[in-house]
């Protein structure tokens, strides 16, 4: 006797809805995973474009005009605890007009008894000034290695975008603080002398 073969059950509306929800959830998970890898460069790009968080802009040349609006630029220099460096600007403040290019030198000295590699991060305040503060040259994010007692001079070349005067909401900005902080470089190459000193003596 032939066995009766039952026809496949039709997919119900609830089943279709559940499959659709599962598909959305999987797609959302994959999207968030991809965004997690892109988050850092996208955030960095966002900060550079908008000046968010006091992130300054990078310029390749000076502007073609200078305005009469005057700004006081305060040079703030800091060193992370334990670095063993002395870091200070040649002048604590400088007055610049919008569009005027200025160069300020900093002296960095290793006052410790060991070779140290440091790297500087920076920002400006108030945060709203970040989108208008342009640096043509800077030592930030460059690893600098100093021997005990060694000192060197680094420069920052900058200007305040003259177009800032068109933003009436920023008329309150008269003083801008450019702040640098030196930290130990995490991936610094260990000096050969230090690397070999940890080896056991030859027998």
Foldseek 3Di string as FASTA:
>chain_A
DDDDDDDDDDQDPVNVVVVVVVVVVVVVVVVVVVCVVVVVVVVVVVCQQQLAPQAAHEDQDFDPDWDPQKAKEAEAEAEDPPQQKDKDKPDGIDMGTARDKDKTKMKIWRQDQAKFKKAKDKGKPPSNQRNFKYWNDDRHPPIDIDHHGDMDMDMIMIGGHNCVVVVPVCPVHRYMYIYMYMDGDPPDDDDPVVVCVPDDDDD
